[in-house]
């Protein structure tokens, strides 16, 4: 599955809908595995599209958030094998997508990955935090989340945020295929049940609190202070352009 929404694969409602649909098709086709990557040479995904949250239409922003939840359920809780070939920067929602996969290979270079929400005055939802603590040690996750830490490639490898470093996208995909090949002699049912048991607590937590999570998000996007922070961030991006 290749993310292809130029210039930086920002996750807006339309892209999330397409991802959700594609994940359904992969499951329906009983595919053995999926590799998630990007068509961009420098960005895996820049994360959630800020414009979906800035001065939002409440009906659309509710659908936006529930679709993001769906994508996470389908990716994090998939029966099929998942690997991410991270060929560029992966902040915030981009990092979430990568961590939701079972294996991560990142291309070397001046790239970074992490959940940097607090830098924008945003509190990462519990299921973002659960995904990170399912990937790296709790202490490392707490420090990273509170400081909005972005890891460079070597730092990400050291802490376990990624599993391998690749020379380029082709090498990253090859390494992902190598990981997938490890399961050729392992019964698929045993593998998938084991994976889902390991991830069950995080999945159940969102399932049980899904409406509460949505309500918290809706309150958040309607907060005047948050809207002001988003406006300032958008202005800073325009200055850089």
C-alpha atoms as a PDB file:
ATOM      1  CA  UNK A   1       0.000   0.000   0.000  1.00  0.00           C
ATOM      2  CA  UNK A   2       1.577   3.260  -1.140  1.00  0.00           C
ATOM      3  CA  UNK A   3       0.570   6.593   0.370  1.00  0.00           C
ATOM      4  CA  UNK A   4       0.251   9.089  -2.466  1.00  0.00           C
ATOM      5  CA  UNK A   5      -1.160  12.465  -1.487  1.00  0.00           C
ATOM      6  CA  UNK A   6       1.396  15.130  -2.489  1.00  0.00           C
ATOM      7  CA  UNK A   7       3.300  16.862  -1.196  1.00  0.00           C
ATOM      8  CA  UNK A   8       3.645  15.189   2.236  1.00  0.00           C
ATOM      9  CA  UNK A   9       0.880  12.568   2.530  1.00  0.00           C
ATOM     10  CA  UNK A  10      -1.071  14.533   5.138  1.00  0.00           C
ATOM     11  CA  UNK A  11      -3.851  12.342   6.457  1.00  0.00           C
ATOM     12  CA  UNK A  12      -7.108  14.040   5.527  1.00  0.00           C
ATOM     13  CA  UNK A  13     -10.559  12.433   5.509  1.00  0.00           C
ATOM     14  CA  UNK A  14     -10.337  11.348   1.869  1.00  0.00           C
ATOM     15  CA  UNK A  15      -6.965   9.628   2.265  1.00  0.00           C
ATOM     16  CA  UNK A  16      -8.083   7.894   5.470  1.00  0.00           C
ATOM     17  CA  UNK A  17     -11.224   6.621   3.708  1.00  0.00           C
ATOM     18  CA  UNK A  18      -9.083   5.193   0.905  1.00  0.00           C
ATOM     19  CA  UNK A  19      -6.764   3.539   3.431  1.00  0.00           C
ATOM     20  CA  UNK A  20      -9.703   2.030   5.295  1.00  0.00           C
ATOM     21  CA  UNK A  21     -11.137   0.683   2.049  1.00  0.00           C
ATOM     22  CA  UNK A  22      -7.773  -0.761   0.980  1.00  0.00           C
ATOM     23  CA  UNK A  23      -7.266  -2.484   4.346  1.00  0.00           C
ATOM     24  CA  UNK A  24     -10.722  -4.062   3.977  1.00  0.00           C
ATOM     25  CA  UNK A  25      -9.769  -5.342   0.514  1.00  0.00           C
ATOM     26  CA  UNK A  26      -6.492  -6.809   1.797  1.00  0.00           C
ATOM     27  CA  UNK A  27      -8.350  -8.657   4.551  1.00  0.00           C
ATOM     28  CA  UNK A  28     -11.096  -9.808   2.154  1.00  0.00           C
ATOM     29  CA  UNK A  29      -8.536 -11.149  -0.326  1.00  0.00           C
ATOM     30  CA  UNK A  30      -6.900 -13.126   2.515  1.00  0.00           C
ATOM     31  CA  UNK A  31      -3.546 -11.597   1.653  1.00  0.00           C
ATOM     32  CA  UNK A  32      -0.611 -12.954   3.626  1.00  0.00           C
ATOM     33  CA  UNK A  33       0.994  -9.571   4.207  1.00  0.00           C
ATOM     34  CA  UNK A  34       1.073  -5.879   3.440  1.00  0.00           C
ATOM     35  CA  UNK A  35       3.930  -3.397   3.159  1.00  0.00           C
ATOM     36  CA  UNK A  36       3.051   0.243   3.825  1.00  0.00           C
ATOM     37  CA  UNK A  37       5.216   2.863   2.137  1.00  0.00           C
ATOM     38  CA  UNK A  38       5.126   6.279   0.465  1.00  0.00           C
ATOM     39  CA  UNK A  39       5.359   7.619  -3.072  1.00  0.00           C
ATOM     40  CA  UNK A  40       7.212  10.675  -1.740  1.00  0.00           C
ATOM     41  CA  UNK A  41      11.030  10.460  -1.771  1.00  0.00           C
ATOM     42  CA  UNK A  42      11.392  12.408   1.485  1.00  0.00           C
ATOM     43  CA  UNK A  43       8.195  12.017   3.534  1.00  0.00           C
ATOM     44  CA  UNK A  44       6.471   8.830   4.682  1.00  0.00           C
ATOM     45  CA  UNK A  45       3.564  10.832   6.107  1.00  0.00           C
ATOM     46  CA  UNK A  46       3.511  14.226   7.793  1.00  0.00           C
ATOM     47  CA  UNK A  47       0.623  13.053   9.974  1.00  0.00           C
ATOM     48  CA  UNK A  48      -2.902  14.366  10.374  1.00  0.00           C
ATOM     49  CA  UNK A  49      -3.933  17.170   8.056  1.00  0.00           C
ATOM     50  CA  UNK A  50      -4.097  20.276  10.283  1.00  0.00           C
ATOM     51  CA  UNK A  51      -6.707  21.804   7.971  1.00  0.00           C
ATOM     52  CA  UNK A  52      -9.197  19.093   8.986  1.00  0.00           C
ATOM     53  CA  UNK A  53      -9.011  20.472  12.542  1.00  0.00           C
ATOM     54  CA  UNK A  54      -8.712  24.211  11.851  1.00  0.00           C
ATOM     55  CA  UNK A  55     -12.099  25.972  11.979  1.00  0.00           C
ATOM     56  CA  UNK A  56     -13.724  22.595  11.404  1.00  0.00           C
ATOM     57  CA  UNK A  57     -17.139  21.604  10.153  1.00  0.00           C
ATOM     58  CA  UNK A  58     -18.296  19.458  13.087  1.00  0.00           C
ATOM     59  CA  UNK A  59     -19.956  16.769  10.985  1.00  0.00           C
ATOM     60  CA  UNK A  60     -16.860  16.360   8.808  1.00  0.00           C
ATOM     61  CA  UNK A  61     -14.382  16.457  11.684  1.00  0.00           C
ATOM     62  CA  UNK A  62     -16.374  13.774  13.525  1.00  0.00           C
ATOM     63  CA  UNK A  63     -16.194  11.553  10.442  1.00  0.00           C
ATOM     64  CA  UNK A  64     -12.502  12.382  10.110  1.00  0.00           C
ATOM     65  CA  UNK A  65     -11.745  11.168  13.641  1.00  0.00           C
ATOM     66  CA  UNK A  66     -13.919   8.054  13.515  1.00  0.00           C
ATOM     67  CA  UNK A  67     -12.290   7.104  10.191  1.00  0.00           C
ATOM     68  CA  UNK A  68      -8.849   7.514  11.763  1.00  0.00           C
ATOM     69  CA  UNK A  69      -9.968   5.206  14.562  1.00  0.00           C
ATOM     70  CA  UNK A  70     -11.150   2.676  11.960  1.00  0.00           C
ATOM     71  CA  UNK A  71      -7.843   2.768  10.100  1.00  0.00           C
ATOM     72  CA  UNK A  72      -5.984   2.146  13.350  1.00  0.00           C
ATOM     73  CA  UNK A  73      -8.222  -0.779  14.304  1.00  0.00           C
ATOM     74  CA  UNK A  74      -7.763  -2.358  10.879  1.00  0.00           C
ATOM     75  CA  UNK A  75      -3.999  -1.820  10.743  1.00  0.00           C
ATOM     76  CA  UNK A  76      -2.991  -2.398  14.376  1.00  0.00           C
ATOM     77  CA  UNK A  77      -5.445  -5.292  14.752  1.00  0.00           C
ATOM     78  CA  UNK A  78      -4.964  -6.934  11.349  1.00  0.00           C
ATOM     79  CA  UNK A  79      -4.750 -10.709  10.933  1.00  0.00           C
ATOM     80  CA  UNK A  80      -2.276 -10.347   8.079  1.00  0.00           C
ATOM     81  CA  UNK A  81       1.409  -9.506   8.496  1.00  0.00           C
ATOM     82  CA  UNK A  82       2.236  -5.797   8.313  1.00  0.00           C
ATOM     83  CA  UNK A  83       5.523  -4.020   7.686  1.00  0.00           C
ATOM     84  CA  UNK A  84       6.368  -0.376   7.052  1.00  0.00           C
ATOM     85  CA  UNK A  85       9.021   0.786   4.579  1.00  0.00           C
ATOM     86  CA  UNK A  86       9.526   4.284   5.988  1.00  0.00           C
ATOM     87  CA  UNK A  87      11.188   6.246   3.186  1.00  0.00           C
ATOM     88  CA  UNK A  88      11.268   9.693   4.774  1.00  0.00           C
ATOM     89  CA  UNK A  89      10.016  11.763   7.682  1.00  0.00           C
ATOM     90  CA  UNK A  90       7.278  10.239   9.863  1.00  0.00           C
ATOM     91  CA  UNK A  91       6.055  12.683  12.525  1.00  0.00           C
ATOM     92  CA  UNK A  92       2.840  12.354  14.559  1.00  0.00           C
ATOM     93  CA  UNK A  93       0.210  10.401  12.585  1.00  0.00           C
ATOM     94  CA  UNK A  94       2.914   9.146  10.237  1.00  0.00           C
ATOM     95  CA  UNK A  95       4.699   7.629  13.213  1.00  0.00           C
ATOM     96  CA  UNK A  96       1.384   6.150  14.419  1.00  0.00           C
ATOM     97  CA  UNK A  97       0.881   4.351  11.102  1.00  0.00           C
ATOM     98  CA  UNK A  98       4.425   2.982  11.174  1.00  0.00           C
ATOM     99  CA  UNK A  99       4.153   1.810  14.797  1.00  0.00           C
ATOM    100  CA  UNK A 100       0.833   0.118  14.027  1.00  0.00           C
ATOM    101  CA  UNK A 101       2.730  -2.235  11.715  1.00  0.00           C
ATOM    102  CA  UNK A 102       4.636  -5.218  13.095  1.00  0.00           C
ATOM    103  CA  UNK A 103       7.975  -4.330  11.562  1.00  0.00           C
ATOM    104  CA  UNK A 104       9.562  -1.059  10.543  1.00  0.00           C
ATOM    105  CA  UNK A 105      12.421  -0.404   8.165  1.00  0.00           C
ATOM    106  CA  UNK A 106      13.535   3.200   7.686  1.00  0.00           C
ATOM    107  CA  UNK A 107      15.793   4.579   4.999  1.00  0.00           C
ATOM    108  CA  UNK A 108      18.978   6.222   6.208  1.00  0.00           C
ATOM    109  CA  UNK A 109      19.424   9.956   5.875  1.00  0.00           C
ATOM    110  CA  UNK A 110      18.404  13.172   7.560  1.00  0.00           C
ATOM    111  CA  UNK A 111      14.945  11.896   8.480  1.00  0.00           C
ATOM    112  CA  UNK A 112      13.042  11.831  11.767  1.00  0.00           C
ATOM    113  CA  UNK A 113      10.197   9.899  13.371  1.00  0.00           C
ATOM    114  CA  UNK A 114       8.167  10.384  16.538  1.00  0.00           C
ATOM    115  CA  UNK A 115       4.985  11.615  18.190  1.00  0.00           C
ATOM    116  CA  UNK A 116       5.532  15.356  18.533  1.00  0.00           C
ATOM    117  CA  UNK A 117       1.986  16.435  19.420  1.00  0.00           C
ATOM    118  CA  UNK A 118       2.893  18.252  22.654  1.00  0.00           C
ATOM    119  CA  UNK A 119       5.002  20.739  20.675  1.00  0.00           C
ATOM    120  CA  UNK A 120       1.748  21.975  19.124  1.00  0.00           C
ATOM    121  CA  UNK A 121      -0.052  22.064  22.455  1.00  0.00           C
ATOM    122  CA  UNK A 122      -1.846  18.824  21.569  1.00  0.00           C
ATOM    123  CA  UNK A 123      -2.194  15.828  23.892  1.00  0.00           C
ATOM    124  CA  UNK A 124      -1.789  12.531  22.038  1.00  0.00           C
ATOM    125  CA  UNK A 125      -4.840  10.282  22.538  1.00  0.00           C
ATOM    126  CA  UNK A 126      -4.489   7.222  24.777  1.00  0.00           C
ATOM    127  CA  UNK A 127      -4.392   4.880  21.786  1.00  0.00           C
ATOM    128  CA  UNK A 128      -1.477   6.795  20.265  1.00  0.00           C
ATOM    129  CA  UNK A 129       0.318   6.369  23.597  1.00  0.00           C
ATOM    130  CA  UNK A 130      -0.643   2.684  23.781  1.00  0.00           C
ATOM    131  CA  UNK A 131       0.765   2.132  20.299  1.00  0.00           C
ATOM    132  CA  UNK A 132       4.063   3.718  21.311  1.00  0.00           C
ATOM    133  CA  UNK A 133       4.343   1.767  24.581  1.00  0.00           C
ATOM    134  CA  UNK A 134       3.615  -1.373  22.544  1.00  0.00           C
ATOM    135  CA  UNK A 135       6.681  -0.481  20.465  1.00  0.00           C
ATOM    136  CA  UNK A 136       9.305   0.986  22.814  1.00  0.00           C
ATOM    137  CA  UNK A 137       9.839   0.818  26.603  1.00  0.00           C
ATOM    138  CA  UNK A 138       7.323   2.760  28.704  1.00  0.00           C
ATOM    139  CA  UNK A 139       9.960   5.077  30.195  1.00  0.00           C
ATOM    140  CA  UNK A 140      11.324   5.926  26.741  1.00  0.00           C
ATOM    141  CA  UNK A 141       7.778   6.524  25.478  1.00  0.00           C
ATOM    142  CA  UNK A 142       6.876   8.821  28.376  1.00  0.00           C
ATOM    143  CA  UNK A 143      10.015  10.890  27.862  1.00  0.00           C
ATOM    144  CA  UNK A 144       9.465  11.058  24.101  1.00  0.00           C
ATOM    145  CA  UNK A 145       5.773  11.983  24.380  1.00  0.00           C
ATOM    146  CA  UNK A 146       6.219  14.693  27.016  1.00  0.00           C
ATOM    147  CA  UNK A 147       9.178  16.318  25.235  1.00  0.00           C
ATOM    148  CA  UNK A 148       7.754  15.938  21.696  1.00  0.00           C
ATOM    149  CA  UNK A 149      10.961  14.118  20.831  1.00  0.00           C
ATOM    150  CA  UNK A 150      11.683  13.397  17.207  1.00  0.00           C
ATOM    151  CA  UNK A 151      14.174  10.553  16.744  1.00  0.00           C
ATOM    152  CA  UNK A 152      16.718  10.538  13.953  1.00  0.00           C
ATOM    153  CA  UNK A 153      17.194   7.224  12.156  1.00  0.00           C
ATOM    154  CA  UNK A 154      19.999   5.921  14.378  1.00  0.00           C
ATOM    155  CA  UNK A 155      18.206   6.993  17.568  1.00  0.00           C
ATOM    156  CA  UNK A 156      15.013   5.305  16.385  1.00  0.00           C
ATOM    157  CA  UNK A 157      16.927   2.085  15.718  1.00  0.00           C
ATOM    158  CA  UNK A 158      18.616   2.181  19.118  1.00  0.00           C
ATOM    159  CA  UNK A 159      15.371   2.623  21.056  1.00  0.00           C
ATOM    160  CA  UNK A 160      13.453   0.045  18.973  1.00  0.00           C
ATOM    161  CA  UNK A 161      11.137   2.489  17.244  1.00  0.00           C
ATOM    162  CA  UNK A 162      12.392   0.963  13.979  1.00  0.00           C
ATOM    163  CA  UNK A 163      13.853  -2.501  13.427  1.00  0.00           C
ATOM    164  CA  UNK A 164      16.270  -1.966  10.534  1.00  0.00           C
ATOM    165  CA  UNK A 165      17.900   0.795   8.499  1.00  0.00           C
ATOM    166  CA  UNK A 166      17.884   0.604   4.697  1.00  0.00           C
ATOM    167  CA  UNK A 167      19.985   2.322   2.043  1.00  0.00           C
ATOM    168  CA  UNK A 168      16.953   3.345  -0.043  1.00  0.00           C
ATOM    169  CA  UNK A 169      13.273   2.574  -0.599  1.00  0.00           C
ATOM    170  CA  UNK A 170      13.945  -0.565  -2.640  1.00  0.00           C
ATOM    171  CA  UNK A 171      16.212  -1.885   0.101  1.00  0.00           C
ATOM    172  CA  UNK A 172      13.585  -1.034   2.722  1.00  0.00           C
ATOM    173  CA  UNK A 173      10.938  -2.988   0.825  1.00  0.00           C
ATOM    174  CA  UNK A 174      13.356  -5.892   0.380  1.00  0.00           C
ATOM    175  CA  UNK A 175      14.026  -5.950   4.115  1.00  0.00           C
ATOM    176  CA  UNK A 176      10.280  -5.860   4.813  1.00  0.00           C
ATOM    177  CA  UNK A 177       9.859  -8.846   2.494  1.00  0.00           C
ATOM    178  CA  UNK A 178      12.646 -10.572   4.407  1.00  0.00           C
ATOM    179  CA  UNK A 179      10.697 -10.096   7.628  1.00  0.00           C
ATOM    180  CA  UNK A 180       7.517 -11.422   6.013  1.00  0.00           C
ATOM    181  CA  UNK A 181       9.440 -14.463   4.769  1.00  0.00           C
ATOM    182  CA  UNK A 182      10.249 -15.443   8.356  1.00  0.00           C
ATOM    183  CA  UNK A 183       6.659 -16.680   8.693  1.00  0.00           C
ATOM    184  CA  UNK A 184       6.768 -19.116   5.774  1.00  0.00           C
ATOM    185  CA  UNK A 185       7.188 -22.049   8.160  1.00  0.00           C
ATOM    186  CA  UNK A 186       5.028 -20.714  10.992  1.00  0.00           C
ATOM    187  CA  UNK A 187       1.315 -21.627  10.976  1.00  0.00           C
ATOM    188  CA  UNK A 188      -0.621 -18.485  10.033  1.00  0.00           C
ATOM    189  CA  UNK A 189      -3.408 -18.966  12.584  1.00  0.00           C
ATOM    190  CA  UNK A 190      -0.991 -19.342  15.493  1.00  0.00           C
ATOM    191  CA  UNK A 191       0.905 -16.256  14.347  1.00  0.00           C
ATOM    192  CA  UNK A 192      -2.173 -14.046  13.994  1.00  0.00           C
ATOM    193  CA  UNK A 193      -3.747 -15.150  17.300  1.00  0.00           C
ATOM    194  CA  UNK A 194      -0.467 -14.518  19.126  1.00  0.00           C
ATOM    195  CA  UNK A 195      -0.188 -11.049  17.565  1.00  0.00           C
ATOM    196  CA  UNK A 196      -3.756 -10.121  18.490  1.00  0.00           C
ATOM    197  CA  UNK A 197      -3.358 -11.396  22.058  1.00  0.00           C
ATOM    198  CA  UNK A 198      -0.286  -9.172  22.420  1.00  0.00           C
ATOM    199  CA  UNK A 199      -2.263  -6.183  21.125  1.00  0.00           C
ATOM    200  CA  UNK A 200      -5.619  -7.006  22.709  1.00  0.00           C
ATOM    201  CA  UNK A 201      -5.373  -4.644  25.694  1.00  0.00           C
ATOM    202  CA  UNK A 202      -4.725  -1.572  23.529  1.00  0.00           C
ATOM    203  CA  UNK A 203      -7.475  -2.525  21.069  1.00  0.00           C
ATOM    204  CA  UNK A 204     -10.038  -3.165  23.825  1.00  0.00           C
ATOM    205  CA  UNK A 205      -9.193   0.112  25.517  1.00  0.00           C
ATOM    206  CA  UNK A 206     -10.211   2.101  22.452  1.00  0.00           C
ATOM    207  CA  UNK A 207     -13.173  -0.141  21.671  1.00  0.00           C
ATOM    208  CA  UNK A 208     -14.570   0.428  25.169  1.00  0.00           C
ATOM    209  CA  UNK A 209     -13.854   4.154  25.145  1.00  0.00           C
ATOM    210  CA  UNK A 210     -14.386   4.986  21.509  1.00  0.00           C
ATOM    211  CA  UNK A 211     -17.226   7.468  22.004  1.00  0.00           C
ATOM    212  CA  UNK A 212     -15.418   9.108  24.903  1.00  0.00           C
ATOM    213  CA  UNK A 213     -12.294   9.448  22.741  1.00  0.00           C
ATOM    214  CA  UNK A 214     -14.362  11.098  19.994  1.00  0.00           C
ATOM    215  CA  UNK A 215     -15.986  13.498  22.451  1.00  0.00           C
ATOM    216  CA  UNK A 216     -12.596  14.484  23.851  1.00  0.00           C
ATOM    217  CA  UNK A 217     -11.361  15.187  20.327  1.00  0.00           C
ATOM    218  CA  UNK A 218     -14.434  17.267  19.444  1.00  0.00           C
ATOM    219  CA  UNK A 219     -14.024  19.330  22.616  1.00  0.00           C
ATOM    220  CA  UNK A 220     -10.371  19.735  21.799  1.00  0.00           C
ATOM    221  CA  UNK A 221     -10.867  21.058  18.250  1.00  0.00           C
ATOM    222  CA  UNK A 222     -13.482  23.546  19.459  1.00  0.00           C
ATOM    223  CA  UNK A 223     -11.211  24.968  22.160  1.00  0.00           C
ATOM    224  CA  UNK A 224     -10.321  28.600  21.252  1.00  0.00           C
ATOM    225  CA  UNK A 225      -6.770  28.201  22.592  1.00  0.00           C
ATOM    226  CA  UNK A 226      -6.222  25.146  20.400  1.00  0.00           C
ATOM    227  CA  UNK A 227      -7.627  26.952  17.370  1.00  0.00           C
ATOM    228  CA  UNK A 228      -5.226  29.820  18.058  1.00  0.00           C
ATOM    229  CA  UNK A 229      -2.291  27.399  18.292  1.00  0.00           C
ATOM    230  CA  UNK A 230      -3.307  25.766  15.006  1.00  0.00           C
ATOM    231  CA  UNK A 231      -3.624  29.178  13.346  1.00  0.00           C
ATOM    232  CA  UNK A 232      -0.137  30.171  14.498  1.00  0.00           C
ATOM    233  CA  UNK A 233       1.264  26.866  13.246  1.00  0.00           C
ATOM    234  CA  UNK A 234      -0.414  27.287   9.857  1.00  0.00           C
ATOM    235  CA  UNK A 235       0.993  30.823   9.573  1.00  0.00           C
ATOM    236  CA  UNK A 236       4.470  29.534  10.371  1.00  0.00           C
ATOM    237  CA  UNK A 237       4.158  26.958   7.587  1.00  0.00           C
ATOM    238  CA  UNK A 238       3.119  29.651   5.121  1.00  0.00           C
ATOM    239  CA  UNK A 239       6.200  31.684   6.011  1.00  0.00           C
ATOM    240  CA  UNK A 240       8.418  28.666   5.340  1.00  0.00           C
ATOM    241  CA  UNK A 241       6.790  28.010   1.966  1.00  0.00           C
END
